[in-house]
Amino acid sequence: MTTARTATPSTARAINDRLALNLLLSQGPLTAPELRTLTGLSRPTVADLLERLQRGGLVAMVGERGEQRRGPNARLYALVADRAHLGGIDVRSTGVTLVVADLTGRTLATAEIPAQPGSDDLADRTVGTLLETARSVGADRLHTVAVGAPGLVDPATGELGNSGKLPRWHTELLAALRALPGTEVILENEVNLAGIAEHRIGAARDRDTFVLLWLGHGVGASVMLDGRLRRGASGGTGEIGFLPVPGTVTLPSATGCEGGFHSLVGSQAICELARRHGLPVPESGQAPQAEAVVRAAVGGGPAGAAFLTELAERIAVGAAAVCVVLDPGCLVLGGEVGRAGGADLASLVERRLAGLSPLRTEVRAGTAGGGAVLAGAVLTAGDAVRRDLFGEP
């Protein structure tokens, strides 16, 4: 026979503190009566926890609720937002974008560090810019920094797998960040961070199971099942650029995704498809050019409509393979190309997907925006900070 364990006083206090802190995080400043109503805790318990959290520097009185009677019941309490600072970094082959935020996740400052041809100091410049940006908003150190990078992130070691195609400065940057005293560094695949952003603040807020299909310079996916991000045994869940698909002239290999799904919907393939449909294409085939082509095709007359229809057919081929295995019920189109195609492209993909799979799958345009990777990094870093400061399990 098992017996129920009674929470110790210290455990009960910790649970109550976390409850109050999370309410102040999600709803902003609250009065003691409002906290009592929302938590169901007694007046003495709320008074004790507010005093305790103020002593710990996590909560401060910030004013009074104007519409309430002046006095103790009108006092407003809020999280001390500068109790800890965090950073988010989006690493691309063309450079780095970073953000510094406070405990609540509010962005305080941003910076961009372009990769300069022939220069090998990008790692040092990035760390220097990060620290300078943090100091500019009054942070002498960053509690946690979350980094989104392309490539496989080993879930066991947290190391970035480099097949030889990633710039050397990617790994140098990670080493330099991990050398910062008192700062936790979290490395995550960039598309996984975008998936977290779509789940928490974007198109999939009402879904605990969905797949984010990332369409940019390359192609990838983020898989969220039952509210949990799935990474796979080697961190390779979502590497669908390697997916063998019909319509290519060869097959992908262990060392390259040419011939895989990437060859159908990568930026270069999209630009070539646009040329076949007589659409103007900028000189370079990088993601911004593919994004511009797709954006112009939306509402761009018969040629644009024909191009989008064929692009949707290509996207649906890879999406169908994912959906018949995972049955996510919802597919979000993200990345520069997915964002440019918007609801028009999503609708075309959904229609074609319905003809390829018996499993009903809703297709949505991503709404986390162009900063989805950075947004996911801030959310991830914020979770880590609160686990530490709030004592969350």
Protein backbone atom coordinates (compact mmCIF):
# COMPACT_ATOMS: atom_id res chain seq x y z
CA MET A 1 0.00 0.00 0.00
CA THR A 2 1.28 3.46 -0.86
CA THR A 3 0.68 6.50 1.27
CA ALA A 4 0.35 10.05 0.04
CA ARG A 5 3.19 12.36 0.94
CA THR A 6 2.35 15.61 2.65
CA ALA A 7 4.24 18.62 1.34
CA THR A 8 6.70 20.06 3.84
CA PRO A 9 6.32 23.74 4.77
CA SER A 10 9.35 24.64 2.65
CA THR A 11 7.99 22.75 -0.35
CA ALA A 12 4.60 24.42 0.01
CA ARG A 13 6.27 27.83 0.19
CA ALA A 14 8.28 27.10 -2.96
CA ILE A 15 5.14 26.01 -4.83
CA ASN A 16 3.24 29.11 -3.73
CA ASP A 17 6.14 31.38 -4.67
CA ARG A 18 6.35 29.86 -8.17
CA LEU A 19 2.62 30.23 -8.60
CA ALA A 20 2.71 33.92 -7.68
CA LEU A 21 5.82 34.64 -9.76
CA ASN A 22 4.35 33.01 -12.85
CA LEU A 23 1.15 35.03 -12.45
CA LEU A 24 3.14 38.25 -12.17
CA LEU A 25 5.09 37.19 -15.26
CA SER A 26 2.04 36.40 -17.37
CA GLN A 27 -0.36 39.11 -16.16
CA GLY A 28 1.88 41.95 -15.06
CA PRO A 29 1.55 43.92 -11.80
CA LEU A 30 -1.09 42.63 -9.37
CA THR A 31 -2.41 43.62 -5.96
CA ALA A 32 -2.43 41.25 -3.00
CA PRO A 33 -6.23 40.77 -3.27
CA GLU A 34 -5.83 39.92 -6.97
CA LEU A 35 -3.14 37.38 -6.13
CA ARG A 36 -5.42 35.84 -3.50
CA THR A 37 -8.22 35.54 -6.02
CA LEU A 38 -6.02 34.05 -8.74
CA THR A 39 -4.15 31.62 -6.49
CA GLY A 40 -6.87 30.71 -3.99
CA LEU A 41 -4.35 31.27 -1.20
CA SER A 42 -5.21 32.86 2.12
CA ARG A 43 -4.50 36.45 3.07
CA PRO A 44 -1.62 35.55 5.47
CA THR A 45 -0.06 33.19 2.92
CA VAL A 46 -0.05 35.84 0.17
CA ALA A 47 1.29 38.46 2.59
CA ASP A 48 4.11 36.11 3.62
CA LEU A 49 5.09 35.19 0.07
CA LEU A 50 5.11 38.82 -1.06
CA GLU A 51 7.38 39.75 1.83
CA ARG A 52 9.63 36.77 1.09
CA LEU A 53 9.85 37.56 -2.64
CA GLN A 54 10.61 41.20 -1.96
CA ARG A 55 13.45 40.21 0.37
CA GLY A 56 14.79 37.94 -2.38
CA GLY A 57 14.81 40.78 -4.89
CA LEU A 58 12.34 39.12 -7.27
CA VAL A 59 9.28 41.29 -6.54
CA ALA A 60 8.89 44.98 -5.75
CA MET A 61 6.01 47.32 -5.03
CA VAL A 62 5.57 49.53 -8.10
CA GLY A 63 2.61 51.74 -7.24
CA GLU A 64 -1.07 51.51 -6.42
CA ARG A 65 -4.17 50.46 -8.31
CA GLY A 66 -5.89 53.78 -8.95
CA GLU A 67 -9.45 52.50 -9.02
CA GLN A 68 -9.14 50.76 -5.66
CA ARG A 69 -9.30 52.24 -2.20
CA ARG A 70 -5.90 53.62 -1.25
CA GLY A 71 -4.05 51.57 1.32
CA PRO A 72 -2.46 48.11 1.59
CA ASN A 73 -5.03 46.47 -0.69
CA ALA A 74 -4.25 48.88 -3.54
CA ARG A 75 -0.49 48.28 -3.59
CA LEU A 76 0.74 46.88 -6.89
CA TYR A 77 3.48 44.25 -6.95
CA ALA A 78 5.55 43.31 -10.01
CA LEU A 79 8.52 41.21 -10.99
CA VAL A 80 11.84 43.00 -10.76
CA ALA A 81 12.54 42.78 -14.48
CA ASP A 82 16.24 43.63 -14.18
CA ARG A 83 16.84 40.94 -11.56
CA ALA A 84 18.43 38.96 -14.41
CA HIS A 85 19.21 39.57 -18.06
CA LEU A 86 19.33 37.11 -20.91
CA GLY A 87 20.45 36.96 -24.51
CA GLY A 88 19.31 35.38 -27.74
CA ILE A 89 21.56 34.84 -30.77
CA ASP A 90 20.63 33.84 -34.33
CA VAL A 91 23.68 32.50 -36.17
CA ARG A 92 23.59 32.49 -39.98
CA SER A 93 26.29 32.03 -42.60
CA THR A 94 26.00 35.74 -43.39
CA GLY A 95 26.42 36.94 -39.83
CA VAL A 96 24.81 37.14 -36.42
CA THR A 97 21.76 38.89 -34.99
CA LEU A 98 21.42 39.18 -31.23
CA VAL A 99 19.02 40.50 -28.64
CA VAL A 100 19.33 41.32 -24.93
CA ALA A 101 16.17 40.98 -22.83
CA ASP A 102 15.11 41.26 -19.20
CA LEU A 103 13.64 38.64 -16.87
CA THR A 104 10.18 39.06 -18.41
CA GLY A 105 11.51 38.47 -21.93
CA ARG A 106 11.07 42.10 -22.95
CA THR A 107 13.59 43.11 -25.61
CA LEU A 108 15.93 45.84 -24.36
CA ALA A 109 18.41 46.09 -27.24
CA THR A 110 19.38 44.38 -30.50
CA ALA A 111 22.47 44.29 -32.70
CA GLU A 112 23.65 42.81 -35.99
CA ILE A 113 27.18 41.67 -36.78
CA PRO A 114 27.72 40.94 -40.50
CA ALA A 115 30.25 38.37 -41.64
CA GLN A 116 32.94 40.20 -43.58
CA PRO A 117 34.63 38.33 -46.45
CA GLY A 118 38.15 37.30 -45.54
CA SER A 119 37.71 38.22 -41.86
CA ASP A 120 38.21 35.58 -39.17
CA ASP A 121 37.28 37.63 -36.10
CA LEU A 122 33.48 37.30 -36.20
CA ALA A 123 33.36 35.21 -33.02
CA ASP A 124 35.29 37.85 -31.05
CA ARG A 125 33.27 40.69 -32.58
CA THR A 126 30.02 38.94 -31.68
CA VAL A 127 30.97 38.36 -28.05
CA GLY A 128 32.25 41.91 -27.75
CA THR A 129 29.05 43.32 -29.23
CA LEU A 130 26.93 41.13 -26.97
CA LEU A 131 28.68 42.36 -23.83
CA GLU A 132 28.62 45.97 -25.01
CA THR A 133 24.90 45.70 -25.81
CA ALA A 134 24.23 44.22 -22.38
CA ARG A 135 26.16 47.00 -20.64
CA SER A 136 24.21 49.62 -22.60
CA VAL A 137 21.02 48.48 -20.85
CA GLY A 138 22.60 48.23 -17.41
CA ALA A 139 23.46 44.52 -17.36
CA ASP A 140 26.91 43.67 -16.02
CA ARG A 141 26.40 40.04 -17.01
CA LEU A 142 23.94 37.79 -18.80
CA HIS A 143 22.42 34.96 -16.80
CA THR A 144 21.68 32.80 -19.85
CA VAL A 145 22.25 33.05 -23.60
CA ALA A 146 20.38 30.82 -26.07
CA VAL A 147 21.95 30.34 -29.48
CA GLY A 148 20.17 29.18 -32.62
CA ALA A 149 22.49 27.71 -35.25
CA PRO A 150 22.16 25.58 -38.39
CA GLY A 151 23.27 21.98 -38.18
CA LEU A 152 22.78 19.06 -35.81
CA VAL A 153 22.91 19.76 -32.10
CA ASP A 154 23.73 16.57 -30.20
CA PRO A 155 21.07 16.25 -27.47
CA ALA A 156 23.48 14.29 -25.25
CA THR A 157 26.46 16.66 -25.39
CA GLY A 158 24.94 19.93 -26.57
CA GLU A 159 27.66 20.20 -29.19
CA LEU A 160 27.16 21.45 -32.73
CA GLY A 161 27.82 18.78 -35.33
CA ASN A 162 29.90 20.16 -38.18
CA SER A 163 29.95 18.22 -41.42
CA GLY A 164 32.64 20.54 -42.72
CA LYS A 165 30.17 22.88 -44.42
CA LEU A 166 29.65 25.26 -41.50
CA PRO A 167 32.04 28.21 -41.17
CA ARG A 168 34.76 27.71 -38.59
CA TRP A 169 33.61 30.78 -36.68
CA HIS A 170 30.37 29.01 -35.71
CA THR A 171 32.21 26.66 -33.36
CA GLU A 172 34.63 29.42 -32.31
CA LEU A 173 31.67 31.57 -31.29
CA LEU A 174 30.20 28.83 -29.13
CA ALA A 175 33.54 28.30 -27.39
CA ALA A 176 33.89 32.04 -26.75
CA LEU A 177 30.37 32.30 -25.33
CA ARG A 178 30.90 29.30 -23.06
CA ALA A 179 34.01 30.98 -21.69
CA LEU A 180 31.95 33.90 -20.32
CA PRO A 181 31.97 33.68 -16.50
CA GLY A 182 28.61 33.13 -14.83
CA THR A 183 26.67 32.72 -18.10
CA GLU A 184 24.82 29.58 -19.09
CA VAL A 185 24.87 28.92 -22.85
CA ILE A 186 22.10 26.88 -24.48
CA LEU A 187 22.66 25.72 -28.06
CA GLU A 188 19.65 24.73 -30.17
CA ASN A 189 18.98 24.14 -33.83
CA GLU A 190 17.65 27.36 -35.39
CA VAL A 191 14.48 25.77 -36.81
CA ASN A 192 13.68 24.20 -33.44
CA LEU A 193 13.80 27.67 -31.87
CA ALA A 194 11.47 28.97 -34.57
CA GLY A 195 9.12 26.08 -33.76
CA ILE A 196 9.14 27.06 -30.09
CA ALA A 197 8.24 30.63 -31.09
CA GLU A 198 5.35 29.48 -33.31
CA HIS A 199 4.07 27.30 -30.47
CA ARG A 200 4.27 29.95 -27.76
CA ILE A 201 3.52 33.21 -29.57
CA GLY A 202 2.79 32.34 -33.19
CA ALA A 203 0.52 30.35 -35.47
CA ALA A 204 0.42 27.17 -33.36
CA ARG A 205 -0.50 28.64 -29.97
CA ASP A 206 -3.61 26.43 -29.86
CA ARG A 207 -1.75 23.28 -30.91
CA ASP A 208 0.38 20.94 -28.82
CA THR A 209 1.13 18.77 -31.86
CA PHE A 210 2.29 20.32 -35.13
CA VAL A 211 5.19 20.50 -37.56
CA LEU A 212 6.88 23.73 -38.59
CA LEU A 213 8.17 23.46 -42.16
CA TRP A 214 10.99 25.98 -42.55
CA LEU A 215 11.43 27.32 -46.08
CA GLY A 216 14.38 29.66 -46.46
CA HIS A 217 17.80 29.38 -48.07
CA GLY A 218 17.52 25.73 -47.11
CA VAL A 219 14.69 23.61 -45.78
CA GLY A 220 14.11 22.03 -42.37
CA ALA A 221 11.41 21.17 -39.90
CA SER A 222 10.62 21.44 -36.22
CA VAL A 223 8.48 18.71 -34.69
CA MET A 224 6.31 19.39 -31.64
CA LEU A 225 4.44 16.36 -30.30
CA ASP A 226 2.18 16.61 -27.24
CA GLY A 227 3.74 19.94 -26.33
CA ARG A 228 7.30 18.62 -26.42
CA LEU A 229 9.98 19.48 -28.96
CA ARG A 230 11.37 16.28 -30.49
CA ARG A 231 15.05 16.25 -31.41
CA GLY A 232 15.75 12.58 -32.15
CA ALA A 233 18.62 10.34 -31.08
CA SER A 234 21.28 12.45 -32.81
CA GLY A 235 19.48 15.78 -32.95
CA GLY A 236 18.47 15.15 -36.56
CA THR A 237 14.68 15.26 -36.31
CA GLY A 238 13.48 17.62 -39.02
CA GLU A 239 16.46 17.35 -41.39
CA ILE A 240 14.01 16.89 -44.25
CA GLY A 241 16.29 18.53 -46.80
CA PHE A 242 17.74 15.01 -47.09
CA LEU A 243 14.33 13.44 -47.71
CA PRO A 244 14.34 11.47 -51.01
CA VAL A 245 11.46 12.73 -53.14
CA PRO A 246 10.24 12.31 -56.72
CA GLY A 247 11.02 15.10 -59.14
CA THR A 248 14.78 15.29 -58.64
CA VAL A 249 17.49 13.90 -60.93
CA THR A 250 19.48 12.12 -58.23
CA LEU A 251 19.31 11.04 -54.59
CA PRO A 252 20.73 12.74 -51.51
CA SER A 253 23.76 11.29 -49.77
CA ALA A 254 25.13 11.18 -46.25
CA THR A 255 27.27 14.21 -47.05
CA GLY A 256 24.88 16.34 -49.09
CA CYS A 257 21.16 17.00 -49.51
CA GLU A 258 21.33 17.77 -53.22
CA GLY A 259 18.77 15.48 -54.83
CA GLY A 260 16.60 15.51 -51.72
CA PHE A 261 13.64 17.70 -50.80
CA HIS A 262 16.08 20.63 -50.63
CA SER A 263 16.48 20.40 -54.41
CA LEU A 264 12.75 21.00 -54.87
CA VAL A 265 12.11 23.89 -52.47
CA GLY A 266 15.47 25.41 -51.53
CA SER A 267 15.97 29.03 -52.55
CA GLN A 268 17.92 28.19 -55.69
CA ALA A 269 15.23 25.77 -56.85
CA ILE A 270 12.52 28.38 -56.19
CA CYS A 271 14.36 30.98 -58.26
CA GLU A 272 14.81 28.51 -61.13
CA LEU A 273 11.10 27.66 -60.97
CA ALA A 274 10.23 31.36 -61.12
CA ARG A 275 12.36 31.83 -64.24
CA ARG A 276 10.53 28.97 -65.95
CA HIS A 277 7.28 30.80 -65.27
CA GLY A 278 8.67 34.02 -66.71
CA LEU A 279 8.92 35.83 -63.38
CA PRO A 280 11.77 38.29 -62.75
CA VAL A 281 14.41 37.01 -60.34
CA PRO A 282 17.21 39.02 -58.69
CA GLU A 283 20.73 37.97 -59.57
CA SER A 284 21.54 36.02 -56.39
CA GLY A 285 19.66 32.88 -55.39
CA GLN A 286 19.92 33.46 -51.65
CA ALA A 287 16.87 33.39 -49.36
CA PRO A 288 16.06 37.12 -49.62
CA GLN A 289 15.79 36.80 -53.42
CA ALA A 290 13.56 33.72 -53.20
CA GLU A 291 11.47 35.56 -50.62
CA ALA A 292 11.10 38.52 -52.98
CA VAL A 293 10.02 36.26 -55.85
CA VAL A 294 7.34 34.53 -53.77
CA ARG A 295 6.10 37.80 -52.32
CA ALA A 296 5.75 39.30 -55.80
CA ALA A 297 3.94 36.21 -57.07
CA VAL A 298 1.17 36.58 -54.48
CA GLY A 299 -1.49 38.55 -56.33
CA GLY A 300 0.87 38.81 -59.31
CA GLY A 301 -1.47 37.69 -62.05
CA PRO A 302 -1.67 34.39 -64.00
CA ALA A 303 2.09 33.79 -64.11
CA GLY A 304 2.40 34.34 -60.37
CA ALA A 305 -0.58 32.07 -59.68
CA ALA A 306 0.85 29.29 -61.84
CA PHE A 307 4.22 29.60 -60.11
CA LEU A 308 2.66 29.44 -56.63
CA THR A 309 0.57 26.41 -57.62
CA GLU A 310 3.62 24.48 -58.76
CA LEU A 311 5.62 25.58 -55.71
CA ALA A 312 2.76 24.39 -53.47
CA GLU A 313 2.80 21.01 -55.23
CA ARG A 314 6.52 20.67 -54.53
CA ILE A 315 6.11 21.64 -50.88
CA ALA A 316 3.22 19.20 -50.49
CA VAL A 317 5.39 16.29 -51.71
CA GLY A 318 7.77 16.64 -48.76
CA ALA A 319 5.04 17.63 -46.34
CA ALA A 320 3.02 14.52 -47.20
CA ALA A 321 5.93 12.27 -46.20
CA VAL A 322 6.13 13.99 -42.83
CA CYS A 323 2.37 13.99 -42.26
CA VAL A 324 1.73 10.31 -43.05
CA VAL A 325 4.43 9.33 -40.53
CA LEU A 326 3.64 11.79 -37.72
CA ASP A 327 -0.01 12.74 -38.36
CA PRO A 328 0.50 16.17 -36.74
CA GLY A 329 -2.85 17.56 -37.84
CA CYS A 330 -1.26 20.97 -38.39
CA LEU A 331 1.58 22.15 -40.61
CA VAL A 332 3.00 25.67 -40.24
CA LEU A 333 4.92 27.23 -43.13
CA GLY A 334 7.74 29.36 -41.76
CA GLY A 335 11.05 30.79 -42.88
CA GLU A 336 11.48 33.62 -45.36
CA VAL A 337 9.63 31.83 -48.17
CA GLY A 338 6.79 30.55 -45.99
CA ARG A 339 6.32 34.02 -44.56
CA ALA A 340 6.32 35.61 -48.03
CA GLY A 341 3.72 33.15 -49.36
CA GLY A 342 1.46 33.76 -46.39
CA ALA A 343 -2.09 32.47 -46.32
CA ASP A 344 -2.23 32.13 -50.13
CA LEU A 345 0.61 29.62 -50.28
CA ALA A 346 -0.62 27.82 -47.14
CA SER A 347 -4.05 27.34 -48.71
CA LEU A 348 -2.56 25.92 -51.91
CA VAL A 349 -0.34 23.50 -49.96
CA GLU A 350 -3.29 22.35 -47.83
CA ARG A 351 -5.40 21.68 -50.90
CA ARG A 352 -2.65 19.66 -52.62
CA LEU A 353 -1.76 17.84 -49.41
CA ALA A 354 -5.38 16.70 -49.07
CA GLY A 355 -5.00 14.90 -52.39
CA LEU A 356 -1.80 13.12 -51.34
CA SER A 357 -2.69 11.90 -47.84
CA PRO A 358 -5.83 10.51 -46.20
CA LEU A 359 -4.85 12.28 -42.99
CA ARG A 360 -6.47 15.68 -42.60
CA THR A 361 -3.79 18.32 -42.10
CA GLU A 362 -4.45 22.01 -41.62
CA VAL A 363 -1.77 24.22 -43.15
CA ARG A 364 -1.13 27.65 -41.63
CA ALA A 365 1.20 30.50 -42.44
CA GLY A 366 3.70 31.22 -39.69
CA THR A 367 3.04 34.36 -37.69
CA ALA A 368 6.13 34.55 -35.45
CA GLY A 369 7.72 36.78 -38.09
CA GLY A 370 11.20 37.20 -39.46
CA GLY A 371 12.64 37.13 -35.95
CA ALA A 372 11.20 33.72 -35.11
CA VAL A 373 14.61 32.21 -34.31
CA LEU A 374 15.51 35.10 -32.00
CA ALA A 375 12.07 34.98 -30.39
CA GLY A 376 12.49 31.27 -29.72
CA ALA A 377 15.96 31.91 -28.30
CA VAL A 378 14.61 34.52 -25.87
CA LEU A 379 11.79 32.19 -24.80
CA THR A 380 14.25 29.33 -24.27
CA ALA A 381 16.71 31.47 -22.30
CA GLY A 382 13.84 32.93 -20.25
CA ASP A 383 12.64 29.45 -19.32
CA ALA A 384 16.13 28.56 -18.09
CA VAL A 385 16.45 31.76 -16.05
CA ARG A 386 13.10 31.23 -14.37
CA ARG A 387 13.90 27.60 -13.57
CA ASP A 388 16.91 28.89 -11.69
CA LEU A 389 15.40 31.97 -10.02
CA PHE A 390 11.89 30.66 -9.45
CA GLY A 391 13.05 27.20 -8.39
CA GLU A 392 10.94 25.55 -11.07
CA PRO A 393 11.41 21.83 -11.60
